[in-house]
Every structure is written in C-alpha cells, then in structure tokens.
Amino acid sequence: MTSTIFTHCDFDGAASAAIVSYCLKTDQFHFATPNNIFKQAVSVHDIICDLPYISGCRLWFDHHATNIQELKDRGLNPENIEGANRIAPSAAQVAYDFFLPTHELPDYFKDLVKAANIVDTMDYDSIESWLAATPMNILNDTININSESYPAMSYHLSWLTRQLRDEPLEAVAASDIIQSRWAQKLVTRQKDIEFIEKLHSFIPEDKDRQIVVIDCSNLSFAPKFNKTLGLVIQPTAQYILLIANEVSYGRKTNNLKISVAKNFLTPSDKQLGVFMEELKLGGGHDNAAGGVISSGSKNERLRKLKDFQLDLLDYINS
C-alpha cells in the first residue's frame, strides 16, 4: 500500500517531507494546516510531518510543544509514538536527526535543515536580512503567490518538496520556476506593504501601540500576504495580529481565523502557542500561533474578537 506524507503547507513542512521522502522512498504528498489535518483521510500507512498527531498514522515527525502537550493531555505518551517528536527549531531537524544514524543522507540536507530552522523560528538579525534575496528566503517567499489558489499552491509545494529532496537549496532557488515566482513576489510584496499600511490599526486600549492589528474580516475577498510585513511599517511594534474570515466552500462564515506573531527582533518570554491553546482556539510556536474564533452570529463574532484582543493585550503585559 502506497504511503502519503501529510505535511504542513509551509517551508518546514516541505523540508521535513523532503527528508522523509528521501529515506522512505515515498513520493506522495498532501499539504494541510494544523486545523484541517483532522479532516483528512489519514490511514495507517501514512506519515505526518510538522502537524498535529492523528491516531493510527504510521509515523509522526513534529517539533511543536503544543502538539506534544496535547497528546499528554489525552493520556498518550509521545515517546511511544512511532517516528520522532520533540521541541526543536523545525520538524526538518527532528526528521534529520531521526534518520541520520541509519541512513546516508546527502550533504545538502544540512543546509536544508539549517534553512528550515531559521525560517520557522524567524531567526533573523534584521528586517533587511529577512527580506534579503537568499536561497532560503526566495524559496520560502515563493510558496504562496497572492493570486494562487490552494490547489495550485499544493501542486507547487509537491514540486518543491521533490526538488528539495533531490537538489541543494541554491540549485532549487535558481530554477526557472522559482525565479519566475520570485519576480512575481517582489511586485506583490510592495503592494502588500501598501495594503497593510492602509489597513493596519491598534487596539484602542493598547496605549503603547504594541500590537499591530491587520483586520481583514470586513473585506469582500480573502487577501493573501505575510502579516510580518507589518513590521516594515511599524518596526517598533512587539506583535502582529492578523484577523480574517474563515471560508467554507467558497463562502464566508461567522468564524474568524486569527494568527499572531512576535516581532522577531525583540526578545520575549511569551509563549503564543501555549496562550492560544489555553484559550482553546488553536496553538503553534512560542513566536507565532494561530487558531479559529468560532461564532454563531456576527454580534457574537465581534464580542469574541474584542475579548480575544483584550486577552492578548493582558497576556503580553503580564
């Protein structure tokens, strides 16, 4: 029976799947989010990377503290699950360390893991280095082109995963496909910055202007952009909060998708993933997390959103 690798639709998801694919000779990929992985048809033959654990899967590779804790809360011992899971900078690092003792891995996987660690933890020393045209940044920034549908992005991610498996980062970044996408991204990036500049605001109670709020819930379309670009406009802000409508079968629902990230240049001991998990909204990393505010009506949505914003403000000030 053919195995499918279910993995996160981001750079670490592609990188970790590339390593697993190389070692297990599996060439089928399915990309998901931490929320919709639970709706996928994961079988006992399948492998999960960089996403929450699904009972019965063949192997699980993950590095999220919230996902590991969730298993413990369910009375499961993460150490007894086949694969590897531990708190680490990336799922790629976890997968690499797991296979290294038993497989002869290509030297270029070292650079791939290093890149995944930097990208997933936002381990940059300046906004300029984050925006620089390095191979890892180019590959990360071209995963999601603004006008692209989710199926098209998934198709690209499957291609990217195979390339990362078979070639060094520099070669993949220099390919015609990536360079074409990069040219598009540079154009849309500037438009995104201009869009965020018009849309961003601060919570009225946030007197110190710590949280840049990018609220897209009143828009008639679902914009796609990197919320961290808000730091280009407000570099002294400590956090960026993105709010968007949850869409089901092409229609807006009363639910809101929320994601929050720290200013990667400012040290903080706040654990955003734990914060989101404690509110039973979602989870993620210490530096970035996301989830869904479920609501039955527009009024309930507005009330819950306001409560969340105040909870977040209280948390970062505590």
C-alpha atoms as a PDB file:
ATOM      1  CA  MET A   1       0.000   0.000   0.000  1.00  0.00           C
ATOM      2  CA  THR A   2       1.410   3.401  -1.011  1.00  0.00           C
ATOM      3  CA  SER A   3       2.129   5.834   1.802  1.00  0.00           C
ATOM      4  CA  THR A   4       1.257   9.525   1.676  1.00  0.00           C
ATOM      5  CA  ILE A   5       3.180  12.154   3.601  1.00  0.00           C
ATOM      6  CA  PHE A   6       0.738  14.616   5.151  1.00  0.00           C
ATOM      7  CA  THR A   7       2.680  17.759   5.932  1.00  0.00           C
ATOM      8  CA  HIS A   8       2.292  21.441   6.732  1.00  0.00           C
ATOM      9  CA  CYS A   9       1.876  23.843   3.819  1.00  0.00           C
ATOM     10  CA  ASP A  10       4.989  25.871   4.630  1.00  0.00           C
ATOM     11  CA  PHE A  11       8.757  25.692   4.154  1.00  0.00           C
ATOM     12  CA  ASP A  12       9.384  23.449   7.159  1.00  0.00           C
ATOM     13  CA  GLY A  13       6.571  21.181   6.017  1.00  0.00           C
ATOM     14  CA  ALA A  14       8.200  20.811   2.601  1.00  0.00           C
ATOM     15  CA  ALA A  15      11.702  20.413   4.082  1.00  0.00           C
ATOM     16  CA  SER A  16      10.711  17.742   6.595  1.00  0.00           C
ATOM     17  CA  ALA A  17       8.667  15.884   3.965  1.00  0.00           C
ATOM     18  CA  ALA A  18      11.656  16.005   1.602  1.00  0.00           C
ATOM     19  CA  ILE A  19      13.867  14.265   4.178  1.00  0.00           C
ATOM     20  CA  VAL A  20      11.239  11.648   4.998  1.00  0.00           C
ATOM     21  CA  SER A  21      10.554  11.082   1.295  1.00  0.00           C
ATOM     22  CA  TYR A  22      14.256  10.532   0.604  1.00  0.00           C
ATOM     23  CA  CYS A  23      14.644   7.997   3.395  1.00  0.00           C
ATOM     24  CA  LEU A  24      11.398   6.083   2.948  1.00  0.00           C
ATOM     25  CA  LYS A  25      11.112   6.356  -0.851  1.00  0.00           C
ATOM     26  CA  THR A  26       7.641   7.845  -0.559  1.00  0.00           C
ATOM     27  CA  ASP A  27       6.615  10.229  -3.325  1.00  0.00           C
ATOM     28  CA  GLN A  28       3.008  11.113  -2.467  1.00  0.00           C
ATOM     29  CA  PHE A  29       2.390  14.381  -0.611  1.00  0.00           C
ATOM     30  CA  HIS A  30      -0.663  16.061   0.829  1.00  0.00           C
ATOM     31  CA  PHE A  31      -0.445  19.549   2.317  1.00  0.00           C
ATOM     32  CA  ALA A  32      -2.630  20.629   5.200  1.00  0.00           C
ATOM     33  CA  THR A  33      -2.927  23.118   8.048  1.00  0.00           C
ATOM     34  CA  PRO A  34      -2.953  22.380  11.788  1.00  0.00           C
ATOM     35  CA  ASN A  35      -6.729  22.868  11.713  1.00  0.00           C
ATOM     36  CA  ASN A  36      -7.765  20.892   8.644  1.00  0.00           C
ATOM     37  CA  ILE A  37      -5.416  17.934   9.143  1.00  0.00           C
ATOM     38  CA  PHE A  38      -8.157  16.439  11.333  1.00  0.00           C
ATOM     39  CA  LYS A  39     -10.480  16.370   8.315  1.00  0.00           C
ATOM     40  CA  GLN A  40      -8.029  14.453   6.133  1.00  0.00           C
ATOM     41  CA  ALA A  41      -8.256  10.744   5.390  1.00  0.00           C
ATOM     42  CA  VAL A  42      -5.045   9.689   7.126  1.00  0.00           C
ATOM     43  CA  SER A  43      -4.522   5.919   7.058  1.00  0.00           C
ATOM     44  CA  VAL A  44      -2.290   3.508   8.971  1.00  0.00           C
ATOM     45  CA  HIS A  45       0.120   3.622   6.026  1.00  0.00           C
ATOM     46  CA  ASP A  46       0.576   7.399   6.093  1.00  0.00           C
ATOM     47  CA  ILE A  47       3.168   9.694   7.640  1.00  0.00           C
ATOM     48  CA  ILE A  48       2.584  13.082   9.263  1.00  0.00           C
ATOM     49  CA  CYS A  49       5.173  15.853   9.366  1.00  0.00           C
ATOM     50  CA  ASP A  50       5.021  19.233  11.129  1.00  0.00           C
ATOM     51  CA  LEU A  51       1.345  18.831  12.041  1.00  0.00           C
ATOM     52  CA  PRO A  52      -0.707  17.525  14.986  1.00  0.00           C
ATOM     53  CA  TYR A  53      -0.711  13.782  15.535  1.00  0.00           C
ATOM     54  CA  ILE A  54      -3.519  11.710  14.030  1.00  0.00           C
ATOM     55  CA  SER A  55      -4.149   8.408  15.807  1.00  0.00           C
ATOM     56  CA  GLY A  56      -3.180   5.389  13.782  1.00  0.00           C
ATOM     57  CA  CYS A  57      -0.758   7.006  11.361  1.00  0.00           C
ATOM     58  CA  ARG A  58       2.383   5.065  10.508  1.00  0.00           C
ATOM     59  CA  LEU A  59       4.943   7.691  11.619  1.00  0.00           C
ATOM     60  CA  TRP A  60       4.812  11.176  13.124  1.00  0.00           C
ATOM     61  CA  PHE A  61       7.548  13.848  12.974  1.00  0.00           C
ATOM     62  CA  ASP A  62       6.886  17.087  14.834  1.00  0.00           C
ATOM     63  CA  HIS A  63       8.528  19.813  16.903  1.00  0.00           C
ATOM     64  CA  HIS A  64       5.610  21.831  18.299  1.00  0.00           C
ATOM     65  CA  ALA A  65       5.386  21.991  22.081  1.00  0.00           C
ATOM     66  CA  THR A  66       1.604  22.469  21.923  1.00  0.00           C
ATOM     67  CA  ASN A  67       1.091  19.342  19.794  1.00  0.00           C
ATOM     68  CA  ILE A  68       3.217  17.247  22.150  1.00  0.00           C
ATOM     69  CA  GLN A  69       1.421  18.607  25.199  1.00  0.00           C
ATOM     70  CA  GLU A  70      -1.944  17.913  23.573  1.00  0.00           C
ATOM     71  CA  LEU A  71      -1.026  14.240  23.384  1.00  0.00           C
ATOM     72  CA  LYS A  72      -0.094  14.196  27.054  1.00  0.00           C
ATOM     73  CA  ASP A  73      -3.414  15.838  27.878  1.00  0.00           C
ATOM     74  CA  ARG A  74      -5.110  12.949  26.051  1.00  0.00           C
ATOM     75  CA  GLY A  75      -3.248  10.480  28.235  1.00  0.00           C
ATOM     76  CA  LEU A  76      -0.855   9.430  25.462  1.00  0.00           C
ATOM     77  CA  ASN A  77       2.899   9.121  25.835  1.00  0.00           C
ATOM     78  CA  PRO A  78       4.596  10.899  22.891  1.00  0.00           C
ATOM     79  CA  GLU A  79       7.663   8.706  23.353  1.00  0.00           C
ATOM     80  CA  ASN A  80       5.598   5.645  22.429  1.00  0.00           C
ATOM     81  CA  ILE A  81       4.527   7.034  19.044  1.00  0.00           C
ATOM     82  CA  GLU A  82       6.459   5.774  16.025  1.00  0.00           C
ATOM     83  CA  GLY A  83       8.644   8.404  14.407  1.00  0.00           C
ATOM     84  CA  ALA A  84      10.153  11.288  16.362  1.00  0.00           C
ATOM     85  CA  ASN A  85       8.733  14.232  18.239  1.00  0.00           C
ATOM     86  CA  ARG A  86      10.500  16.753  20.431  1.00  0.00           C
ATOM     87  CA  ILE A  87      10.720  20.502  20.868  1.00  0.00           C
ATOM     88  CA  ALA A  88      13.164  21.718  18.231  1.00  0.00           C
ATOM     89  CA  PRO A  89      13.586  24.639  15.817  1.00  0.00           C
ATOM     90  CA  SER A  90      11.943  22.697  12.983  1.00  0.00           C
ATOM     91  CA  ALA A  91      10.334  19.405  12.028  1.00  0.00           C
ATOM     92  CA  ALA A  92      13.086  19.089   9.430  1.00  0.00           C
ATOM     93  CA  GLN A  93      15.624  18.986  12.272  1.00  0.00           C
ATOM     94  CA  VAL A  94      13.610  16.285  14.047  1.00  0.00           C
ATOM     95  CA  ALA A  95      13.348  14.140  10.899  1.00  0.00           C
ATOM     96  CA  TYR A  96      17.018  14.636  10.002  1.00  0.00           C
ATOM     97  CA  ASP A  97      18.209  13.590  13.456  1.00  0.00           C
ATOM     98  CA  PHE A  98      15.913  10.558  13.391  1.00  0.00           C
ATOM     99  CA  PHE A  99      17.226   9.175  10.101  1.00  0.00           C
ATOM    100  CA  LEU A 100      20.873  10.228  10.381  1.00  0.00           C
ATOM    101  CA  PRO A 101      22.039   7.165  12.380  1.00  0.00           C
ATOM    102  CA  THR A 102      20.531   4.689   9.912  1.00  0.00           C
ATOM    103  CA  HIS A 103      20.651   6.424   6.519  1.00  0.00           C
ATOM    104  CA  GLU A 104      23.354   8.017   4.407  1.00  0.00           C
ATOM    105  CA  LEU A 105      21.903  11.485   3.932  1.00  0.00           C
ATOM    106  CA  PRO A 106      23.034  13.969   1.266  1.00  0.00           C
ATOM    107  CA  ASP A 107      25.336  16.736   2.491  1.00  0.00           C
ATOM    108  CA  TYR A 108      22.925  19.359   1.165  1.00  0.00           C
ATOM    109  CA  PHE A 109      20.349  18.260   3.757  1.00  0.00           C
ATOM    110  CA  LYS A 110      22.487  20.064   6.358  1.00  0.00           C
ATOM    111  CA  ASP A 111      21.827  23.373   4.600  1.00  0.00           C
ATOM    112  CA  LEU A 112      18.164  22.473   4.170  1.00  0.00           C
ATOM    113  CA  VAL A 113      17.749  21.830   7.901  1.00  0.00           C
ATOM    114  CA  LYS A 114      19.635  25.000   8.798  1.00  0.00           C
ATOM    115  CA  ALA A 115      17.355  26.987   6.498  1.00  0.00           C
ATOM    116  CA  ALA A 116      14.209  25.389   7.956  1.00  0.00           C
ATOM    117  CA  ASN A 117      15.420  26.237  11.468  1.00  0.00           C
ATOM    118  CA  ILE A 118      15.948  29.888  10.574  1.00  0.00           C
ATOM    119  CA  VAL A 119      12.741  30.302   8.587  1.00  0.00           C
ATOM    120  CA  ASP A 120      10.474  28.537  11.073  1.00  0.00           C
ATOM    121  CA  THR A 121      11.819  30.393  14.124  1.00  0.00           C
ATOM    122  CA  MET A 122      12.318  33.698  12.281  1.00  0.00           C
ATOM    123  CA  ASP A 123      15.920  33.684  13.462  1.00  0.00           C
ATOM    124  CA  TYR A 124      16.970  36.824  11.587  1.00  0.00           C
ATOM    125  CA  ASP A 125      19.024  39.722  12.922  1.00  0.00           C
ATOM    126  CA  SER A 126      17.248  42.460  10.974  1.00  0.00           C
ATOM    127  CA  ILE A 127      14.261  43.138   8.757  1.00  0.00           C
ATOM    128  CA  GLU A 128      16.726  43.556   5.883  1.00  0.00           C
ATOM    129  CA  SER A 129      18.130  40.031   6.352  1.00  0.00           C
ATOM    130  CA  TRP A 130      14.592  38.640   6.493  1.00  0.00           C
ATOM    131  CA  LEU A 131      13.750  40.317   3.165  1.00  0.00           C
ATOM    132  CA  ALA A 132      17.112  39.560   1.513  1.00  0.00           C
ATOM    133  CA  ALA A 133      17.224  37.506  -1.684  1.00  0.00           C
ATOM    134  CA  THR A 134      18.927  34.451  -0.165  1.00  0.00           C
ATOM    135  CA  PRO A 135      18.037  30.936  -1.418  1.00  0.00           C
ATOM    136  CA  MET A 136      16.052  30.056   1.722  1.00  0.00           C
ATOM    137  CA  ASN A 137      14.140  33.346   1.688  1.00  0.00           C
ATOM    138  CA  ILE A 138      13.374  33.075  -2.006  1.00  0.00           C
ATOM    139  CA  LEU A 139      12.051  29.531  -1.616  1.00  0.00           C
ATOM    140  CA  ASN A 140      10.017  30.424   1.452  1.00  0.00           C
ATOM    141  CA  ASP A 141       8.551  33.596  -0.025  1.00  0.00           C
ATOM    142  CA  THR A 142       7.519  31.913  -3.279  1.00  0.00           C
ATOM    143  CA  ILE A 143       5.453  29.156  -1.657  1.00  0.00           C
ATOM    144  CA  ASN A 144       2.367  31.337  -1.696  1.00  0.00           C
ATOM    145  CA  ILE A 145       1.779  33.660  -4.640  1.00  0.00           C
ATOM    146  CA  ASN A 146      -1.073  36.047  -3.878  1.00  0.00           C
ATOM    147  CA  SER A 147      -3.304  35.186  -6.813  1.00  0.00           C
ATOM    148  CA  GLU A 148      -2.784  31.428  -6.484  1.00  0.00           C
ATOM    149  CA  SER A 149      -5.467  29.008  -5.374  1.00  0.00           C
ATOM    150  CA  TYR A 150      -4.866  26.477  -2.612  1.00  0.00           C
ATOM    151  CA  PRO A 151      -4.757  23.533  -5.064  1.00  0.00           C
ATOM    152  CA  ALA A 152      -2.212  25.417  -7.179  1.00  0.00           C
ATOM    153  CA  MET A 153      -0.110  26.156  -4.118  1.00  0.00           C
ATOM    154  CA  SER A 154      -0.277  22.490  -3.103  1.00  0.00           C
ATOM    155  CA  TYR A 155       0.838  21.456  -6.584  1.00  0.00           C
ATOM    156  CA  HIS A 156       3.800  23.828  -6.294  1.00  0.00           C
ATOM    157  CA  LEU A 157       4.635  22.526  -2.816  1.00  0.00           C
ATOM    158  CA  SER A 158       4.713  18.951  -4.113  1.00  0.00           C
ATOM    159  CA  TRP A 159       7.132  20.026  -6.816  1.00  0.00           C
ATOM    160  CA  LEU A 160       9.210  21.995  -4.300  1.00  0.00           C
ATOM    161  CA  THR A 161       9.380  19.065  -1.875  1.00  0.00           C
ATOM    162  CA  ARG A 162      10.751  16.776  -4.579  1.00  0.00           C
ATOM    163  CA  GLN A 163      13.296  19.416  -5.608  1.00  0.00           C
ATOM    164  CA  LEU A 164      14.463  19.943  -2.024  1.00  0.00           C
ATOM    165  CA  ARG A 165      14.805  16.168  -1.722  1.00  0.00           C
ATOM    166  CA  ASP A 166      16.918  15.847  -4.859  1.00  0.00           C
ATOM    167  CA  GLU A 167      18.913  19.092  -5.138  1.00  0.00           C
ATOM    168  CA  PRO A 168      20.725  21.685  -2.980  1.00  0.00           C
ATOM    169  CA  LEU A 169      18.879  24.850  -1.928  1.00  0.00           C
ATOM    170  CA  GLU A 170      20.899  27.061  -4.268  1.00  0.00           C
ATOM    171  CA  ALA A 171      20.028  24.964  -7.310  1.00  0.00           C
ATOM    172  CA  VAL A 172      16.321  24.904  -6.480  1.00  0.00           C
ATOM    173  CA  ALA A 173      16.238  28.664  -5.856  1.00  0.00           C
ATOM    174  CA  ALA A 174      17.994  29.304  -9.181  1.00  0.00           C
ATOM    175  CA  SER A 175      15.499  27.239 -11.199  1.00  0.00           C
ATOM    176  CA  ASP A 176      13.360  28.992 -13.797  1.00  0.00           C
ATOM    177  CA  ILE A 177      10.147  28.127 -11.942  1.00  0.00           C
ATOM    178  CA  ILE A 178      11.314  29.703  -8.705  1.00  0.00           C
ATOM    179  CA  GLN A 179      12.845  32.752 -10.367  1.00  0.00           C
ATOM    180  CA  SER A 180       9.577  33.402 -12.197  1.00  0.00           C
ATOM    181  CA  ARG A 181       7.636  33.165  -8.948  1.00  0.00           C
ATOM    182  CA  TRP A 182      10.204  35.367  -7.188  1.00  0.00           C
ATOM    183  CA  ALA A 183       9.761  38.110  -9.789  1.00  0.00           C
ATOM    184  CA  GLN A 184       6.016  37.999  -9.140  1.00  0.00           C
ATOM    185  CA  LYS A 185       6.583  38.051  -5.392  1.00  0.00           C
ATOM    186  CA  LEU A 186       8.714  41.180  -5.488  1.00  0.00           C
ATOM    187  CA  VAL A 187       5.917  43.024  -7.245  1.00  0.00           C
ATOM    188  CA  THR A 188       3.199  41.795  -4.892  1.00  0.00           C
ATOM    189  CA  ARG A 189       5.335  42.367  -1.791  1.00  0.00           C
ATOM    190  CA  GLN A 190       5.370  46.108  -2.374  1.00  0.00           C
ATOM    191  CA  LYS A 191       1.622  46.063  -2.987  1.00  0.00           C
ATOM    192  CA  ASP A 192       1.165  44.071   0.237  1.00  0.00           C
ATOM    193  CA  ILE A 193       3.114  46.652   2.223  1.00  0.00           C
ATOM    194  CA  GLU A 194       0.957  49.439   0.777  1.00  0.00           C
ATOM    195  CA  PHE A 195      -2.184  47.397   1.562  1.00  0.00           C
ATOM    196  CA  ILE A 196      -1.124  46.786   5.180  1.00  0.00           C
ATOM    197  CA  GLU A 197      -0.232  50.447   5.605  1.00  0.00           C
ATOM    198  CA  LYS A 198      -3.805  51.428   4.718  1.00  0.00           C
ATOM    199  CA  LEU A 199      -5.469  48.677   6.741  1.00  0.00           C
ATOM    200  CA  HIS A 200      -3.458  48.396   9.945  1.00  0.00           C
ATOM    201  CA  SER A 201      -4.583  49.825  13.271  1.00  0.00           C
ATOM    202  CA  PHE A 202      -4.099  49.434  17.017  1.00  0.00           C
ATOM    203  CA  ILE A 203      -6.474  48.301  19.753  1.00  0.00           C
ATOM    204  CA  PRO A 204      -7.791  51.447  21.486  1.00  0.00           C
ATOM    205  CA  GLU A 205      -6.749  50.027  24.867  1.00  0.00           C
ATOM    206  CA  ASP A 206      -3.230  49.434  23.546  1.00  0.00           C
ATOM    207  CA  LYS A 207      -1.808  52.767  24.647  1.00  0.00           C
ATOM    208  CA  ASP A 208       1.780  51.716  23.918  1.00  0.00           C
ATOM    209  CA  ARG A 209       0.892  50.535  20.402  1.00  0.00           C
ATOM    210  CA  GLN A 210       2.390  47.119  20.973  1.00  0.00           C
ATOM    211  CA  ILE A 211       0.078  45.113  18.697  1.00  0.00           C
ATOM    212  CA  VAL A 212      -0.287  45.926  15.015  1.00  0.00           C
ATOM    213  CA  VAL A 213      -3.792  44.763  14.069  1.00  0.00           C
ATOM    214  CA  ILE A 214      -4.451  43.822  10.450  1.00  0.00           C
ATOM    215  CA  ASP A 215      -8.190  43.186  10.331  1.00  0.00           C
ATOM    216  CA  CYS A 216      -9.376  41.754   7.013  1.00  0.00           C
ATOM    217  CA  SER A 217     -12.725  40.498   8.315  1.00  0.00           C
ATOM    218  CA  ASN A 218     -14.714  43.296   6.670  1.00  0.00           C
ATOM    219  CA  LEU A 219     -13.252  42.711   3.238  1.00  0.00           C
ATOM    220  CA  SER A 220     -15.232  41.004   0.496  1.00  0.00           C
ATOM    221  CA  PHE A 221     -12.190  38.969  -0.523  1.00  0.00           C
ATOM    222  CA  ALA A 222      -9.551  36.936   1.283  1.00  0.00           C
ATOM    223  CA  PRO A 223      -6.176  38.654   0.868  1.00  0.00           C
ATOM    224  CA  LYS A 224      -3.002  36.599   0.965  1.00  0.00           C
ATOM    225  CA  PHE A 225       0.089  38.240   2.398  1.00  0.00           C
ATOM    226  CA  ASN A 226       2.714  37.811   5.061  1.00  0.00           C
ATOM    227  CA  LYS A 227       1.496  39.638   8.154  1.00  0.00           C
ATOM    228  CA  THR A 228       5.071  40.145   9.355  1.00  0.00           C
ATOM    229  CA  LEU A 229       5.392  42.793   6.640  1.00  0.00           C
ATOM    230  CA  GLY A 230       3.572  44.947   9.183  1.00  0.00           C
ATOM    231  CA  LEU A 231       6.972  45.420  10.821  1.00  0.00           C
ATOM    232  CA  VAL A 232       8.166  47.272   7.740  1.00  0.00           C
ATOM    233  CA  ILE A 233       5.536  49.892   8.577  1.00  0.00           C
ATOM    234  CA  GLN A 234       5.626  49.659  12.387  1.00  0.00           C
ATOM    235  CA  PRO A 235       9.123  48.340  13.247  1.00  0.00           C
ATOM    236  CA  THR A 236       8.818  49.170  16.966  1.00  0.00           C
ATOM    237  CA  ALA A 237       5.616  47.157  17.478  1.00  0.00           C
ATOM    238  CA  GLN A 238       6.008  43.989  19.530  1.00  0.00           C
ATOM    239  CA  TYR A 239       3.319  41.813  17.929  1.00  0.00           C
ATOM    240  CA  ILE A 240       1.323  41.486  14.720  1.00  0.00           C
ATOM    241  CA  LEU A 241      -2.266  40.229  14.816  1.00  0.00           C
ATOM    242  CA  LEU A 242      -3.963  39.157  11.591  1.00  0.00           C
ATOM    243  CA  ILE A 243      -7.725  38.661  11.506  1.00  0.00           C
ATOM    244  CA  ALA A 244      -9.503  37.102   8.535  1.00  0.00           C
ATOM    245  CA  ASN A 245     -12.762  35.392   7.709  1.00  0.00           C
ATOM    246  CA  GLU A 246     -12.894  31.621   7.723  1.00  0.00           C
ATOM    247  CA  VAL A 247     -14.183  30.477   4.344  1.00  0.00           C
ATOM    248  CA  SER A 248     -16.075  27.237   3.804  1.00  0.00           C
ATOM    249  CA  TYR A 249     -16.920  26.020   0.289  1.00  0.00           C
ATOM    250  CA  GLY A 250     -16.242  29.483  -1.102  1.00  0.00           C
ATOM    251  CA  ARG A 251     -18.453  31.307   1.392  1.00  0.00           C
ATOM    252  CA  LYS A 252     -17.575  33.419   4.380  1.00  0.00           C
ATOM    253  CA  THR A 253     -18.649  32.027   7.733  1.00  0.00           C
ATOM    254  CA  ASN A 254     -19.127  33.775  11.053  1.00  0.00           C
ATOM    255  CA  ASN A 255     -15.854  32.253  12.231  1.00  0.00           C
ATOM    256  CA  LEU A 256     -12.613  34.207  12.285  1.00  0.00           C
ATOM    257  CA  LYS A 257      -9.136  32.924  11.555  1.00  0.00           C
ATOM    258  CA  ILE A 258      -6.590  34.627  13.761  1.00  0.00           C
ATOM    259  CA  SER A 259      -2.827  34.488  13.767  1.00  0.00           C
ATOM    260  CA  VAL A 260      -0.384  36.351  15.934  1.00  0.00           C
ATOM    261  CA  ALA A 261       3.381  36.673  15.760  1.00  0.00           C
ATOM    262  CA  LYS A 262       6.089  38.371  17.789  1.00  0.00           C
ATOM    263  CA  ASN A 263       8.451  40.969  16.463  1.00  0.00           C
ATOM    264  CA  PHE A 264      11.334  38.594  15.745  1.00  0.00           C
ATOM    265  CA  LEU A 265      13.875  41.294  16.637  1.00  0.00           C
ATOM    266  CA  THR A 266      12.556  41.789  20.164  1.00  0.00           C
ATOM    267  CA  PRO A 267      13.274  39.159  22.848  1.00  0.00           C
ATOM    268  CA  SER A 268      10.211  37.965  24.742  1.00  0.00           C
ATOM    269  CA  ASP A 269       9.415  35.053  27.018  1.00  0.00           C
ATOM    270  CA  LYS A 270       5.749  34.979  26.000  1.00  0.00           C
ATOM    271  CA  GLN A 271       4.558  31.623  24.631  1.00  0.00           C
ATOM    272  CA  LEU A 272       1.972  32.413  21.991  1.00  0.00           C
ATOM    273  CA  GLY A 273       1.266  28.771  21.186  1.00  0.00           C
ATOM    274  CA  VAL A 274       0.507  27.988  24.811  1.00  0.00           C
ATOM    275  CA  PHE A 275      -1.613  31.147  25.082  1.00  0.00           C
ATOM    276  CA  MET A 276      -3.746  30.107  22.108  1.00  0.00           C
ATOM    277  CA  GLU A 277      -4.057  26.569  23.402  1.00  0.00           C
ATOM    278  CA  GLU A 278      -5.173  27.728  26.853  1.00  0.00           C
ATOM    279  CA  LEU A 279      -7.916  29.774  25.190  1.00  0.00           C
ATOM    280  CA  LYS A 280      -8.860  26.606  23.261  1.00  0.00           C
ATOM    281  CA  LEU A 281      -8.528  28.469  19.979  1.00  0.00           C
ATOM    282  CA  GLY A 282      -5.513  26.778  18.410  1.00  0.00           C
ATOM    283  CA  GLY A 283      -1.793  26.514  19.037  1.00  0.00           C
ATOM    284  CA  GLY A 284       1.630  26.924  17.469  1.00  0.00           C
ATOM    285  CA  HIS A 285       5.096  28.102  18.413  1.00  0.00           C
ATOM    286  CA  ASP A 286       6.282  30.455  21.124  1.00  0.00           C
ATOM    287  CA  ASN A 287       6.899  33.100  18.461  1.00  0.00           C
ATOM    288  CA  ALA A 288       3.856  32.560  16.257  1.00  0.00           C
ATOM    289  CA  ALA A 289       0.496  30.877  16.667  1.00  0.00           C
ATOM    290  CA  GLY A 290      -2.932  30.735  15.148  1.00  0.00           C
ATOM    291  CA  GLY A 291      -6.433  29.443  15.550  1.00  0.00           C
ATOM    292  CA  VAL A 292     -10.126  29.996  14.934  1.00  0.00           C
ATOM    293  CA  ILE A 293     -12.718  32.007  16.831  1.00  0.00           C
ATOM    294  CA  SER A 294     -15.987  30.129  16.304  1.00  0.00           C
ATOM    295  CA  SER A 295     -19.164  32.185  16.335  1.00  0.00           C
ATOM    296  CA  GLY A 296     -22.833  31.658  15.613  1.00  0.00           C
ATOM    297  CA  SER A 297     -23.602  35.227  14.584  1.00  0.00           C
ATOM    298  CA  LYS A 298     -21.951  38.491  13.598  1.00  0.00           C
ATOM    299  CA  ASN A 299     -22.594  40.010  17.021  1.00  0.00           C
ATOM    300  CA  GLU A 300     -21.080  37.031  18.777  1.00  0.00           C
ATOM    301  CA  ARG A 301     -18.085  37.230  16.452  1.00  0.00           C
ATOM    302  CA  LEU A 302     -17.499  40.898  17.287  1.00  0.00           C
ATOM    303  CA  ARG A 303     -17.798  40.236  21.008  1.00  0.00           C
ATOM    304  CA  LYS A 304     -15.451  37.260  20.960  1.00  0.00           C
ATOM    305  CA  LEU A 305     -12.919  39.118  18.836  1.00  0.00           C
ATOM    306  CA  LYS A 306     -12.886  42.027  21.270  1.00  0.00           C
ATOM    307  CA  ASP A 307     -12.474  39.625  24.191  1.00  0.00           C
ATOM    308  CA  PHE A 308      -9.580  37.918  22.404  1.00  0.00           C
ATOM    309  CA  GLN A 309      -7.819  41.200  21.685  1.00  0.00           C
ATOM    310  CA  LEU A 310      -8.081  42.243  25.324  1.00  0.00           C
ATOM    311  CA  ASP A 311      -6.938  38.803  26.494  1.00  0.00           C
ATOM    312  CA  LEU A 312      -3.911  39.075  24.216  1.00  0.00           C
ATOM    313  CA  LEU A 313      -3.117  42.562  25.461  1.00  0.00           C
ATOM    314  CA  ASP A 314      -3.410  41.438  29.083  1.00  0.00           C
ATOM    315  CA  TYR A 315      -1.179  38.437  28.376  1.00  0.00           C
ATOM    316  CA  ILE A 316       1.664  40.368  26.791  1.00  0.00           C
ATOM    317  CA  ASN A 317       1.515  42.940  29.596  1.00  0.00           C
ATOM    318  CA  SER A 318       1.530  40.328  32.367  1.00  0.00           C
END
